[in-house]
Amino acid sequence: MVKEATSPALADIEPVREPGAAPPFDDAFLERLGSEVRRLRKQRGLTLDQMVERSGVSAGALSQLERGYGNPELATLVRVAHALGVSAASMLTSSP
């Protein structure tokens, strides 16, 4: 009989971060990111429909992103950033 090696479940593994640091995508972060996306979109005079066309991201996903809901994929953030003419990094580090 072969005994399987036991390993901790992924759910049991804690990510490495500084003591007391907030998770990377907490609600406040997502709200700030959404506010920044909306600010940049409006600054450029773009409607949600125009952003859909430019980014290839659905209107529902863009709306959720701007309202700070969900958990956007990196590819979505890159598409939105490109449509707005900024880097994804600048959107992630901005504080509106």
C-alpha atoms as a PDB file:
ATOM      1  CA  MET A   1       0.000   0.000   0.000  1.00  0.00           C
ATOM      2  CA  VAL A   2       1.346   3.442  -0.976  1.00  0.00           C
ATOM      3  CA  LYS A   3       0.747   6.170   1.535  1.00  0.00           C
ATOM      4  CA  GLU A   4       0.027   9.580   0.022  1.00  0.00           C
ATOM      5  CA  ALA A   5       2.113  12.479   1.201  1.00  0.00           C
ATOM      6  CA  THR A   6       0.124  14.897   3.215  1.00  0.00           C
ATOM      7  CA  SER A   7       0.361  18.574   2.523  1.00  0.00           C
ATOM      8  CA  PRO A   8      -1.550  21.506   3.954  1.00  0.00           C
ATOM      9  CA  ALA A   9      -4.673  22.559   2.100  1.00  0.00           C
ATOM     10  CA  LEU A  10      -4.290  25.811   0.174  1.00  0.00           C
ATOM     11  CA  ALA A  11      -6.980  27.352   2.344  1.00  0.00           C
ATOM     12  CA  ASP A  12      -4.789  26.728   5.396  1.00  0.00           C
ATOM     13  CA  ILE A  13      -1.766  28.578   4.000  1.00  0.00           C
ATOM     14  CA  GLU A  14      -1.551  32.195   5.050  1.00  0.00           C
ATOM     15  CA  PRO A  15      -0.060  34.700   2.591  1.00  0.00           C
ATOM     16  CA  VAL A  16       3.129  36.410   3.704  1.00  0.00           C
ATOM     17  CA  ARG A  17       2.565  40.057   4.614  1.00  0.00           C
ATOM     18  CA  GLU A  18       3.648  42.519   7.232  1.00  0.00           C
ATOM     19  CA  PRO A  19       2.014  42.142  10.664  1.00  0.00           C
ATOM     20  CA  GLY A  20      -1.150  44.215  10.809  1.00  0.00           C
ATOM     21  CA  ALA A  21      -1.197  44.872   7.059  1.00  0.00           C
ATOM     22  CA  ALA A  22      -4.560  44.751   5.335  1.00  0.00           C
ATOM     23  CA  PRO A  23      -5.175  42.155   2.636  1.00  0.00           C
ATOM     24  CA  PRO A  24      -4.163  43.461  -0.805  1.00  0.00           C
ATOM     25  CA  PHE A  25      -7.744  43.691  -2.095  1.00  0.00           C
ATOM     26  CA  ASP A  26      -9.850  44.805   0.824  1.00  0.00           C
ATOM     27  CA  ASP A  27     -13.096  46.732   0.328  1.00  0.00           C
ATOM     28  CA  ALA A  28     -11.469  50.133   0.805  1.00  0.00           C
ATOM     29  CA  PHE A  29      -8.860  49.358  -1.853  1.00  0.00           C
ATOM     30  CA  LEU A  30     -11.520  48.248  -4.348  1.00  0.00           C
ATOM     31  CA  GLU A  31     -13.541  51.410  -3.665  1.00  0.00           C
ATOM     32  CA  ARG A  32     -10.464  53.607  -4.261  1.00  0.00           C
ATOM     33  CA  LEU A  33      -9.646  51.717  -7.452  1.00  0.00           C
ATOM     34  CA  GLY A  34     -13.220  52.101  -8.691  1.00  0.00           C
ATOM     35  CA  SER A  35     -13.243  55.808  -7.891  1.00  0.00           C
ATOM     36  CA  GLU A  36      -9.977  56.247  -9.799  1.00  0.00           C
ATOM     37  CA  VAL A  37     -11.331  54.416 -12.855  1.00  0.00           C
ATOM     38  CA  ARG A  38     -14.512  56.535 -12.828  1.00  0.00           C
ATOM     39  CA  ARG A  39     -12.508  59.742 -12.339  1.00  0.00           C
ATOM     40  CA  LEU A  40     -10.213  58.942 -15.273  1.00  0.00           C
ATOM     41  CA  ARG A  41     -13.138  57.922 -17.498  1.00  0.00           C
ATOM     42  CA  LYS A  42     -15.065  61.112 -16.786  1.00  0.00           C
ATOM     43  CA  GLN A  43     -11.924  63.256 -17.085  1.00  0.00           C
ATOM     44  CA  ARG A  44     -11.567  61.901 -20.622  1.00  0.00           C
ATOM     45  CA  GLY A  45     -15.249  62.489 -21.401  1.00  0.00           C
ATOM     46  CA  LEU A  46     -15.948  58.800 -21.996  1.00  0.00           C
ATOM     47  CA  THR A  47     -19.275  57.052 -21.434  1.00  0.00           C
ATOM     48  CA  LEU A  48     -19.499  53.479 -20.179  1.00  0.00           C
ATOM     49  CA  ASP A  49     -20.497  52.404 -23.709  1.00  0.00           C
ATOM     50  CA  GLN A  50     -17.371  54.033 -25.127  1.00  0.00           C
ATOM     51  CA  MET A  51     -15.264  52.277 -22.491  1.00  0.00           C
ATOM     52  CA  VAL A  52     -16.861  48.949 -23.464  1.00  0.00           C
ATOM     53  CA  GLU A  53     -15.839  49.565 -27.074  1.00  0.00           C
ATOM     54  CA  ARG A  54     -12.308  50.703 -26.204  1.00  0.00           C
ATOM     55  CA  SER A  55     -11.529  48.067 -23.580  1.00  0.00           C
ATOM     56  CA  GLY A  56     -13.514  45.014 -24.608  1.00  0.00           C
ATOM     57  CA  VAL A  57     -14.705  44.724 -20.997  1.00  0.00           C
ATOM     58  CA  SER A  58     -18.461  44.284 -20.498  1.00  0.00           C
ATOM     59  CA  ALA A  59     -20.593  47.162 -19.237  1.00  0.00           C
ATOM     60  CA  GLY A  60     -21.536  45.098 -16.190  1.00  0.00           C
ATOM     61  CA  ALA A  61     -17.910  44.431 -15.291  1.00  0.00           C
ATOM     62  CA  LEU A  62     -16.982  48.101 -15.764  1.00  0.00           C
ATOM     63  CA  SER A  63     -19.920  49.214 -13.657  1.00  0.00           C
ATOM     64  CA  GLN A  64     -18.981  46.796 -10.886  1.00  0.00           C
ATOM     65  CA  LEU A  65     -15.360  47.928 -11.042  1.00  0.00           C
ATOM     66  CA  GLU A  66     -16.310  51.596 -10.742  1.00  0.00           C
ATOM     67  CA  ARG A  67     -18.590  50.847  -7.775  1.00  0.00           C
ATOM     68  CA  GLY A  68     -15.867  48.873  -5.987  1.00  0.00           C
ATOM     69  CA  TYR A  69     -17.629  45.512  -6.254  1.00  0.00           C
ATOM     70  CA  GLY A  70     -16.293  42.140  -7.278  1.00  0.00           C
ATOM     71  CA  ASN A  71     -12.738  41.019  -7.694  1.00  0.00           C
ATOM     72  CA  PRO A  72     -11.470  42.210 -11.081  1.00  0.00           C
ATOM     73  CA  GLU A  73      -8.939  40.064 -12.898  1.00  0.00           C
ATOM     74  CA  LEU A  74      -5.572  41.542 -13.758  1.00  0.00           C
ATOM     75  CA  ALA A  75      -6.376  41.224 -17.481  1.00  0.00           C
ATOM     76  CA  THR A  76      -9.509  43.334 -16.940  1.00  0.00           C
ATOM     77  CA  LEU A  77      -7.527  46.018 -15.120  1.00  0.00           C
ATOM     78  CA  VAL A  78      -4.921  46.081 -17.900  1.00  0.00           C
ATOM     79  CA  ARG A  79      -7.622  46.448 -20.588  1.00  0.00           C
ATOM     80  CA  VAL A  80      -9.316  49.268 -18.676  1.00  0.00           C
ATOM     81  CA  ALA A  81      -6.009  51.035 -18.061  1.00  0.00           C
ATOM     82  CA  HIS A  82      -5.071  50.760 -21.738  1.00  0.00           C
ATOM     83  CA  ALA A  83      -8.467  52.167 -22.759  1.00  0.00           C
ATOM     84  CA  LEU A  84      -7.856  55.110 -20.420  1.00  0.00           C
ATOM     85  CA  GLY A  85      -4.298  55.653 -21.638  1.00  0.00           C
ATOM     86  CA  VAL A  86      -2.629  54.905 -18.305  1.00  0.00           C
ATOM     87  CA  SER A  87      -0.674  52.012 -16.844  1.00  0.00           C
ATOM     88  CA  ALA A  88      -2.402  49.465 -14.669  1.00  0.00           C
ATOM     89  CA  ALA A  89       0.236  50.168 -12.022  1.00  0.00           C
ATOM     90  CA  SER A  90      -0.728  53.846 -11.887  1.00  0.00           C
ATOM     91  CA  MET A  91      -4.387  52.916 -11.357  1.00  0.00           C
ATOM     92  CA  LEU A  92      -3.474  50.499  -8.591  1.00  0.00           C
ATOM     93  CA  THR A  93      -1.313  52.995  -6.718  1.00  0.00           C
ATOM     94  CA  SER A  94      -3.400  56.159  -7.176  1.00  0.00           C
ATOM     95  CA  SER A  95      -5.390  57.680  -4.358  1.00  0.00           C
ATOM     96  CA  PRO A  96      -8.226  59.824  -5.746  1.00  0.00           C
END
